[in-house]
Amino acid sequence: MKKLFMGSVLAISSVFTVTACTSVNATTDTAPTTSKMQKHHKEGMNKGGMRGPMAQLDLTAEQQAQIKAIMQEKYSGYKNDRTKYQAERAQMQQQMQALTNASTLNNAAVNRLADQQAAKTKQRFIERIETQHAISQVLTTEQRAKMAQLKSERQAKGHHGSKNRNMHSKHQQQGM
């Protein structure tokens, strides 16, 4: 029992150390890029225009304002809850690490953790569909058709996350 407790304490402290080091490196490595991206994003929105496929829909000023309000409503809570979400993620990582390092696999705990993760994924999916629906209601029939066309073209080209997947697979092949 004592060995199991000490092993768990050691595993958790290792996770904290790795997480702290990773956070420091991520913060120092990405700070200039992030601020540059935020500046670019703000400049685009200050011009009154939309980005991505929305920019190609010839939205009226009223439509742009409505869509901007929908997006602000969606993301306003995220900023306030960011630390809560980070703490939840850290706790989930600790639980996963403890299960991984255990001498025997606790299937009940693994199932509980998987259910928690599935519930969060389901909630994000529902929220994304609700937001897309709200935006769709602002668009005209022609704009909805054009949006569907633009999305299918984008998917056909493989743009949805393919850059990140390709980078990840290159790093794996190089042994990074």
Protein backbone atom coordinates (compact mmCIF):
# COMPACT_ATOMS: atom_id res chain seq x y z
CA MET A 1 0.00 0.00 0.00
CA LYS A 2 2.84 2.33 0.94
CA LYS A 3 4.63 1.60 -2.36
CA LEU A 4 1.47 2.33 -4.35
CA PHE A 5 0.97 5.63 -2.52
CA MET A 6 4.59 6.67 -3.03
CA GLY A 7 4.43 5.66 -6.68
CA SER A 8 1.29 7.74 -7.17
CA VAL A 9 2.86 10.76 -5.46
CA LEU A 10 5.98 10.40 -7.61
CA ALA A 11 3.91 10.07 -10.80
CA ILE A 12 1.78 13.11 -9.98
CA SER A 13 4.82 15.24 -9.13
CA SER A 14 6.42 14.17 -12.44
CA VAL A 15 3.30 15.22 -14.32
CA PHE A 16 3.34 18.61 -12.58
CA THR A 17 7.00 19.10 -13.50
CA VAL A 18 6.50 18.16 -17.14
CA THR A 19 3.36 20.29 -17.38
CA ALA A 20 5.11 23.30 -15.85
CA CYS A 21 8.10 22.97 -18.18
CA THR A 22 5.85 22.51 -21.20
CA SER A 23 3.76 25.57 -20.25
CA VAL A 24 6.84 27.72 -19.87
CA ASN A 25 8.24 26.59 -23.21
CA ALA A 26 4.88 26.98 -24.97
CA THR A 27 4.44 30.47 -23.56
CA THR A 28 7.92 31.64 -24.52
CA ASP A 29 7.95 29.94 -27.92
CA THR A 30 4.55 31.13 -29.14
CA ALA A 31 4.15 34.60 -27.63
CA PRO A 32 5.35 36.61 -30.66
CA THR A 33 3.38 34.49 -33.13
CA THR A 34 0.21 34.67 -31.06
CA SER A 35 0.33 38.44 -30.73
CA LYS A 36 0.96 38.75 -34.46
CA MET A 37 -2.04 36.52 -35.20
CA GLN A 38 -4.24 38.45 -32.78
CA LYS A 39 -3.21 41.72 -34.40
CA HIS A 40 -4.06 40.33 -37.84
CA HIS A 41 -7.42 39.07 -36.56
CA LYS A 42 -8.28 42.41 -34.96
CA GLU A 43 -7.29 44.33 -38.09
CA GLY A 44 -9.61 42.16 -40.18
CA MET A 45 -12.52 42.69 -37.82
CA ASN A 46 -11.86 46.44 -37.51
CA LYS A 47 -12.29 46.78 -41.26
CA GLY A 48 -15.83 45.60 -40.71
CA GLY A 49 -15.29 42.49 -42.79
CA MET A 50 -15.62 38.82 -42.08
CA ARG A 51 -12.88 36.27 -42.50
CA GLY A 52 -12.79 32.91 -44.21
CA PRO A 53 -15.84 31.71 -46.15
CA MET A 54 -17.98 34.44 -44.54
CA ALA A 55 -15.97 37.06 -46.44
CA GLN A 56 -17.18 35.55 -49.71
CA LEU A 57 -20.90 35.74 -48.93
CA ASP A 58 -21.48 39.46 -49.56
CA LEU A 59 -23.00 39.96 -46.12
CA THR A 60 -24.89 43.14 -45.36
CA ALA A 61 -23.73 45.31 -42.46
CA GLU A 62 -26.72 44.10 -40.45
CA GLN A 63 -25.85 40.44 -41.11
CA GLN A 64 -22.24 41.07 -40.14
CA ALA A 65 -23.35 42.69 -36.88
CA GLN A 66 -25.71 39.80 -36.09
CA ILE A 67 -23.03 37.17 -36.80
CA LYS A 68 -20.48 39.10 -34.77
CA ALA A 69 -22.94 39.19 -31.85
CA ILE A 70 -23.50 35.42 -32.11
CA MET A 71 -19.76 34.78 -32.06
CA GLN A 72 -19.18 37.17 -29.15
CA GLU A 73 -21.93 35.46 -27.18
CA LYS A 74 -20.37 32.08 -27.87
CA TYR A 75 -16.82 33.05 -26.93
CA SER A 76 -17.44 35.55 -24.12
CA GLY A 77 -17.80 32.80 -21.54
CA TYR A 78 -14.67 31.00 -22.70
CA LYS A 79 -12.39 33.80 -21.60
CA ASN A 80 -13.81 33.80 -18.08
CA ASP A 81 -13.74 30.01 -17.75
CA ARG A 82 -10.28 29.53 -19.25
CA THR A 83 -8.54 28.84 -15.95
CA LYS A 84 -11.31 26.42 -14.97
CA TYR A 85 -10.90 24.51 -18.25
CA GLN A 86 -7.13 24.44 -17.85
CA ALA A 87 -7.47 23.02 -14.34
CA GLU A 88 -9.92 20.38 -15.60
CA ARG A 89 -7.51 19.41 -18.39
CA ALA A 90 -4.61 19.17 -15.94
CA GLN A 91 -6.69 17.00 -13.62
CA MET A 92 -7.68 14.75 -16.52
CA GLN A 93 -4.03 14.41 -17.54
CA GLN A 94 -3.05 13.51 -13.97
CA GLN A 95 -5.75 10.86 -13.79
CA MET A 96 -4.68 9.42 -17.13
CA GLN A 97 -1.04 9.35 -16.02
CA ALA A 98 -1.94 7.68 -12.72
CA LEU A 99 -3.92 5.01 -14.59
CA THR A 100 -1.08 4.51 -17.05
CA ASN A 101 1.53 4.14 -14.31
CA ALA A 102 -0.53 1.84 -12.09
CA SER A 103 0.68 -1.74 -11.77
CA THR A 104 -2.80 -3.01 -12.74
CA LEU A 105 -5.31 -1.31 -14.97
CA ASN A 106 -8.44 -0.09 -13.21
CA ASN A 107 -11.03 -0.61 -15.95
CA ALA A 108 -13.81 1.11 -14.00
CA ALA A 109 -11.70 4.27 -13.63
CA VAL A 110 -10.73 4.16 -17.30
CA ASN A 111 -14.39 3.89 -18.28
CA ARG A 112 -15.35 6.82 -16.00
CA LEU A 113 -12.59 8.95 -17.52
CA ALA A 114 -13.65 7.97 -21.04
CA ASP A 115 -17.26 8.84 -20.24
CA GLN A 116 -16.21 12.25 -18.90
CA GLN A 117 -14.21 12.94 -22.05
CA ALA A 118 -17.06 11.77 -24.27
CA ALA A 119 -19.51 14.04 -22.46
CA LYS A 120 -17.23 17.05 -22.99
CA THR A 121 -16.79 16.20 -26.66
CA LYS A 122 -20.54 15.81 -27.06
CA GLN A 123 -21.17 19.20 -25.42
CA ARG A 124 -18.63 20.94 -27.71
CA PHE A 125 -20.29 19.30 -30.73
CA ILE A 126 -23.74 20.47 -29.64
CA GLU A 127 -22.50 24.02 -29.04
CA ARG A 128 -20.81 24.12 -32.46
CA ILE A 129 -23.99 22.96 -34.23
CA GLU A 130 -26.10 25.49 -32.28
CA THR A 131 -23.74 28.30 -33.30
CA GLN A 132 -23.72 27.20 -36.94
CA HIS A 133 -27.51 27.03 -36.89
CA ALA A 134 -27.81 30.53 -35.41
CA ILE A 135 -25.47 31.92 -38.07
CA SER A 136 -27.35 30.04 -40.80
CA GLN A 137 -30.59 31.71 -39.74
CA VAL A 138 -29.01 35.11 -40.42
CA LEU A 139 -28.09 34.14 -44.01
CA THR A 140 -30.33 34.25 -47.06
CA THR A 141 -31.10 31.07 -48.99
CA GLU A 142 -28.51 31.99 -51.63
CA GLN A 143 -25.87 32.69 -49.00
CA ARG A 144 -26.56 29.35 -47.31
CA ALA A 145 -26.14 27.57 -50.64
CA LYS A 146 -22.90 29.41 -51.32
CA MET A 147 -21.64 28.63 -47.79
CA ALA A 148 -22.39 24.93 -48.31
CA GLN A 149 -20.53 25.04 -51.63
CA LEU A 150 -17.52 26.77 -50.07
CA LYS A 151 -17.42 24.23 -47.22
CA SER A 152 -17.57 21.27 -49.58
CA GLU A 153 -14.82 22.77 -51.76
CA ARG A 154 -12.68 23.34 -48.70
CA GLN A 155 -13.21 19.77 -47.50
CA ALA A 156 -12.46 18.41 -50.97
CA LYS A 157 -9.13 20.24 -50.89
CA GLY A 158 -8.48 18.74 -47.46
CA HIS A 159 -7.93 22.03 -45.66
CA HIS A 160 -9.81 21.22 -42.48
CA GLY A 161 -6.92 20.60 -40.10
CA SER A 162 -4.79 18.86 -42.70
CA LYS A 163 -1.87 21.22 -42.18
CA ASN A 164 -1.65 20.31 -38.51
CA ARG A 165 -2.08 16.61 -39.22
CA ASN A 166 0.64 16.73 -41.87
CA MET A 167 3.01 18.54 -39.53
CA HIS A 168 2.27 16.03 -36.76
CA SER A 169 2.90 13.03 -39.03
CA LYS A 170 6.16 14.57 -40.31
CA HIS A 171 7.37 14.98 -36.72
CA GLN A 172 6.45 11.41 -35.93
CA GLN A 173 8.32 10.13 -38.99
CA GLN A 174 11.39 12.14 -38.02
CA GLY A 175 11.26 10.69 -34.53
CA MET A 176 10.51 14.01 -32.80
